[in-house]
C-alpha atoms as a PDB file:
ATOM      1  CA  MET A   1     -37.998  44.662  79.688  1.00  0.00           C
ATOM      2  CA  ALA A   2     -38.175  43.440  76.154  1.00  0.00           C
ATOM      3  CA  GLU A   3     -41.931  44.386  75.569  1.00  0.00           C
ATOM      4  CA  LEU A   4     -43.406  42.933  72.297  1.00  0.00           C
ATOM      5  CA  ASN A   5     -45.787  45.528  71.764  1.00  0.00           C
ATOM      6  CA  SER A   6     -46.673  45.623  67.818  1.00  0.00           C
ATOM      7  CA  PHE A   7     -47.184  43.092  65.373  1.00  0.00           C
ATOM      8  CA  GLY A   8     -43.632  43.759  63.886  1.00  0.00           C
ATOM      9  CA  ALA A   9     -42.020  43.026  67.503  1.00  0.00           C
ATOM     10  CA  VAL A  10     -43.987  39.824  67.581  1.00  0.00           C
ATOM     11  CA  MET A  11     -43.082  38.391  64.179  1.00  0.00           C
ATOM     12  CA  THR A  12     -39.646  39.332  64.554  1.00  0.00           C
ATOM     13  CA  PHE A  13     -38.996  37.492  68.033  1.00  0.00           C
ATOM     14  CA  ALA A  14     -40.610  34.603  66.447  1.00  0.00           C
ATOM     15  CA  ILE A  15     -38.787  34.323  63.302  1.00  0.00           C
ATOM     16  CA  ASN A  16     -35.592  35.049  65.192  1.00  0.00           C
ATOM     17  CA  ALA A  17     -36.503  32.548  67.781  1.00  0.00           C
ATOM     18  CA  GLU A  18     -37.011  29.825  65.080  1.00  0.00           C
ATOM     19  CA  ALA A  19     -33.693  30.935  63.556  1.00  0.00           C
ATOM     20  CA  ALA A  20     -32.128  30.285  66.846  1.00  0.00           C
ATOM     21  CA  LEU A  21     -33.868  26.975  67.415  1.00  0.00           C
ATOM     22  CA  GLN A  22     -32.768  25.598  63.949  1.00  0.00           C
ATOM     23  CA  ALA A  23     -28.876  26.455  65.235  1.00  0.00           C
ATOM     24  CA  TYR A  24     -29.873  24.890  68.254  1.00  0.00           C
ATOM     25  CA  TYR A  25     -30.695  21.532  66.892  1.00  0.00           C
ATOM     26  CA  GLU A  26     -28.199  21.948  64.097  1.00  0.00           C
ATOM     27  CA  ARG A  27     -25.574  22.084  67.080  1.00  0.00           C
ATOM     28  CA  LEU A  28     -26.973  19.298  68.634  1.00  0.00           C
ATOM     29  CA  GLY A  29     -27.213  16.982  65.217  1.00  0.00           C
ATOM     30  CA  MET A  30     -31.119  17.009  64.866  1.00  0.00           C
ATOM     31  CA  SER A  31     -31.295  17.823  61.490  1.00  0.00           C
ATOM     32  CA  ASP A  32     -35.111  16.784  61.523  1.00  0.00           C
ATOM     33  CA  ARG A  33     -36.046  19.101  64.212  1.00  0.00           C
ATOM     34  CA  ALA A  34     -33.316  21.878  62.774  1.00  0.00           C
ATOM     35  CA  SER A  35     -35.482  21.582  59.009  1.00  0.00           C
ATOM     36  CA  ALA A  36     -38.726  21.800  60.897  1.00  0.00           C
ATOM     37  CA  ALA A  37     -37.591  25.282  62.535  1.00  0.00           C
ATOM     38  CA  GLU A  38     -36.178  26.527  59.496  1.00  0.00           C
ATOM     39  CA  LYS A  39     -39.951  25.547  57.582  1.00  0.00           C
ATOM     40  CA  ARG A  40     -41.701  27.780  60.419  1.00  0.00           C
ATOM     41  CA  ARG A  41     -39.067  31.005  60.111  1.00  0.00           C
ATOM     42  CA  ALA A  42     -39.718  30.449  56.602  1.00  0.00           C
ATOM     43  CA  ARG A  43     -43.376  30.394  56.674  1.00  0.00           C
ATOM     44  CA  LEU A  44     -43.195  33.259  59.715  1.00  0.00           C
ATOM     45  CA  GLU A  45     -41.171  35.528  57.037  1.00  0.00           C
ATOM     46  CA  ARG A  46     -43.597  35.027  54.277  1.00  0.00           C
ATOM     47  CA  ILE A  47     -46.648  35.784  56.351  1.00  0.00           C
ATOM     48  CA  ARG A  48     -45.068  39.003  57.750  1.00  0.00           C
ATOM     49  CA  ARG A  49     -44.322  40.160  54.082  1.00  0.00           C
ATOM     50  CA  GLU A  50     -47.701  39.340  53.051  1.00  0.00           C
ATOM     51  CA  HIS A  51     -49.391  41.349  55.572  1.00  0.00           C
ATOM     52  CA  VAL A  52     -47.248  44.208  56.316  1.00  0.00           C
ATOM     53  CA  VAL A  53     -49.928  46.130  54.761  1.00  0.00           C
ATOM     54  CA  GLU A  54     -52.834  45.126  56.833  1.00  0.00           C
ATOM     55  CA  ILE A  55     -50.962  45.795  60.096  1.00  0.00           C
ATOM     56  CA  THR A  56     -52.567  48.452  61.920  1.00  0.00           C
ATOM     57  CA  LEU A  57     -51.062  50.441  64.730  1.00  0.00           C
ATOM     58  CA  GLU A  58     -53.018  48.893  67.393  1.00  0.00           C
ATOM     59  CA  PRO A  59     -50.506  48.046  70.162  1.00  0.00           C
ATOM     60  CA  ILE A  60     -50.031  44.809  72.000  1.00  0.00           C
ATOM     61  CA  HIS A  61     -50.337  44.983  75.307  1.00  0.00           C
ATOM     62  CA  ASP A  62     -48.731  42.187  78.260  1.00  0.00           C
ATOM     63  CA  LEU A  63     -46.928  40.238  75.631  1.00  0.00           C
ATOM     64  CA  ASN A  64     -42.982  40.472  77.034  1.00  0.00           C
ATOM     65  CA  ALA A  65     -39.789  38.549  75.853  1.00  0.00           C
ATOM     66  CA  GLU A  66     -38.692  37.818  79.286  1.00  0.00           C
ATOM     67  CA  HIS A  67     -41.733  35.743  79.864  1.00  0.00           C
ATOM     68  CA  PHE A  68     -40.770  32.964  77.148  1.00  0.00           C
ATOM     69  CA  PRO A  69     -37.022  32.078  78.487  1.00  0.00           C
ATOM     70  CA  LEU A  70     -34.936  30.357  75.708  1.00  0.00           C
ATOM     71  CA  ASN A  71     -31.624  29.062  76.957  1.00  0.00           C
ATOM     72  CA  TRP A  72     -29.798  27.763  73.972  1.00  0.00           C
ATOM     73  CA  GLU A  73     -26.653  27.009  75.898  1.00  0.00           C
ATOM     74  CA  ASP A  74     -28.474  23.694  77.782  1.00  0.00           C
ATOM     75  CA  ALA A  75     -28.385  20.669  75.470  1.00  0.00           C
ATOM     76  CA  SER A  76     -29.920  18.318  77.883  1.00  0.00           C
ATOM     77  CA  ALA A  77     -33.303  16.830  77.341  1.00  0.00           C
ATOM     78  CA  GLU A  78     -34.771  18.530  79.819  1.00  0.00           C
ATOM     79  CA  GLY A  79     -33.354  22.056  78.053  1.00  0.00           C
ATOM     80  CA  GLN A  80     -34.945  21.203  74.921  1.00  0.00           C
ATOM     81  CA  ALA A  81     -38.236  20.426  76.518  1.00  0.00           C
ATOM     82  CA  ALA A  82     -38.273  23.643  78.311  1.00  0.00           C
ATOM     83  CA  ASN A  83     -37.286  25.507  74.916  1.00  0.00           C
ATOM     84  CA  VAL A  84     -40.158  23.939  73.246  1.00  0.00           C
ATOM     85  CA  ARG A  85     -42.598  24.828  76.195  1.00  0.00           C
ATOM     86  CA  ALA A  86     -41.345  28.538  76.024  1.00  0.00           C
ATOM     87  CA  LEU A  87     -41.657  28.915  72.312  1.00  0.00           C
ATOM     88  CA  ALA A  88     -44.619  27.174  72.357  1.00  0.00           C
ATOM     89  CA  ALA A  89     -46.365  29.286  75.033  1.00  0.00           C
ATOM     90  CA  PHE A  90     -44.905  32.528  73.286  1.00  0.00           C
ATOM     91  CA  TYR A  91     -47.137  31.275  70.025  1.00  0.00           C
ATOM     92  CA  GLN A  92     -49.971  30.799  72.119  1.00  0.00           C
ATOM     93  CA  ALA A  93     -49.827  34.069  74.174  1.00  0.00           C
ATOM     94  CA  ALA A  94     -48.891  36.074  71.084  1.00  0.00           C
ATOM     95  CA  ALA A  95     -51.603  34.741  68.670  1.00  0.00           C
ATOM     96  CA  PRO A  96     -54.629  36.054  70.081  1.00  0.00           C
ATOM     97  CA  LYS A  97     -53.037  39.417  70.415  1.00  0.00           C
ATOM     98  CA  ILE A  98     -52.460  39.840  66.757  1.00  0.00           C
ATOM     99  CA  ASN A  99     -54.981  41.581  64.966  1.00  0.00           C
ATOM    100  CA  VAL A 100     -53.940  39.662  61.193  1.00  0.00           C
ATOM    101  CA  LYS A 101     -55.668  36.594  61.041  1.00  0.00           C
ATOM    102  CA  PRO A 102     -53.181  34.386  58.725  1.00  0.00           C
ATOM    103  CA  ALA A 103     -50.615  35.656  61.183  1.00  0.00           C
ATOM    104  CA  ALA A 104     -52.336  34.791  64.340  1.00  0.00           C
ATOM    105  CA  ARG A 105     -53.645  31.140  62.698  1.00  0.00           C
ATOM    106  CA  ALA A 106     -49.471  30.726  61.553  1.00  0.00           C
ATOM    107  CA  LEU A 107     -48.533  31.293  65.327  1.00  0.00           C
ATOM    108  CA  GLU A 108     -50.949  29.082  66.507  1.00  0.00           C
ATOM    109  CA  ARG A 109     -49.895  26.373  63.635  1.00  0.00           C
ATOM    110  CA  CYS A 110     -46.345  27.080  65.490  1.00  0.00           C
ATOM    111  CA  ALA A 111     -47.382  25.982  68.509  1.00  0.00           C
ATOM    112  CA  GLU A 112     -49.046  22.918  67.281  1.00  0.00           C
ATOM    113  CA  GLU A 113     -46.470  21.548  65.375  1.00  0.00           C
ATOM    114  CA  LEU A 114     -43.683  22.210  68.355  1.00  0.00           C
ATOM    115  CA  LEU A 115     -46.197  20.396  71.040  1.00  0.00           C
ATOM    116  CA  ASN A 116     -46.558  17.516  68.603  1.00  0.00           C
END
């Protein structure tokens, strides 16, 4: 089970997911959605860099990558919606577990952007 038990693990999962989402949308010819995913990825990378000093070593519990299945092979409308829901659910679950306020807010904002 891929436990996301630290700030770094959560942010790395989020950044990698946004990069994969960008590639997924580019493959489907959805450049506006690909651009939005790229902007979220860049924002998350900036947040991780800016707040790496503030990170405490408090572990994160009960957050596993398997709970948020992403299927980049399913190009159907249902598959796209499932990926968006899974990634938004990850952001909603991870945000309250992050002890760095700007990072938690960034994750919440990512969820809002995906769902709107």
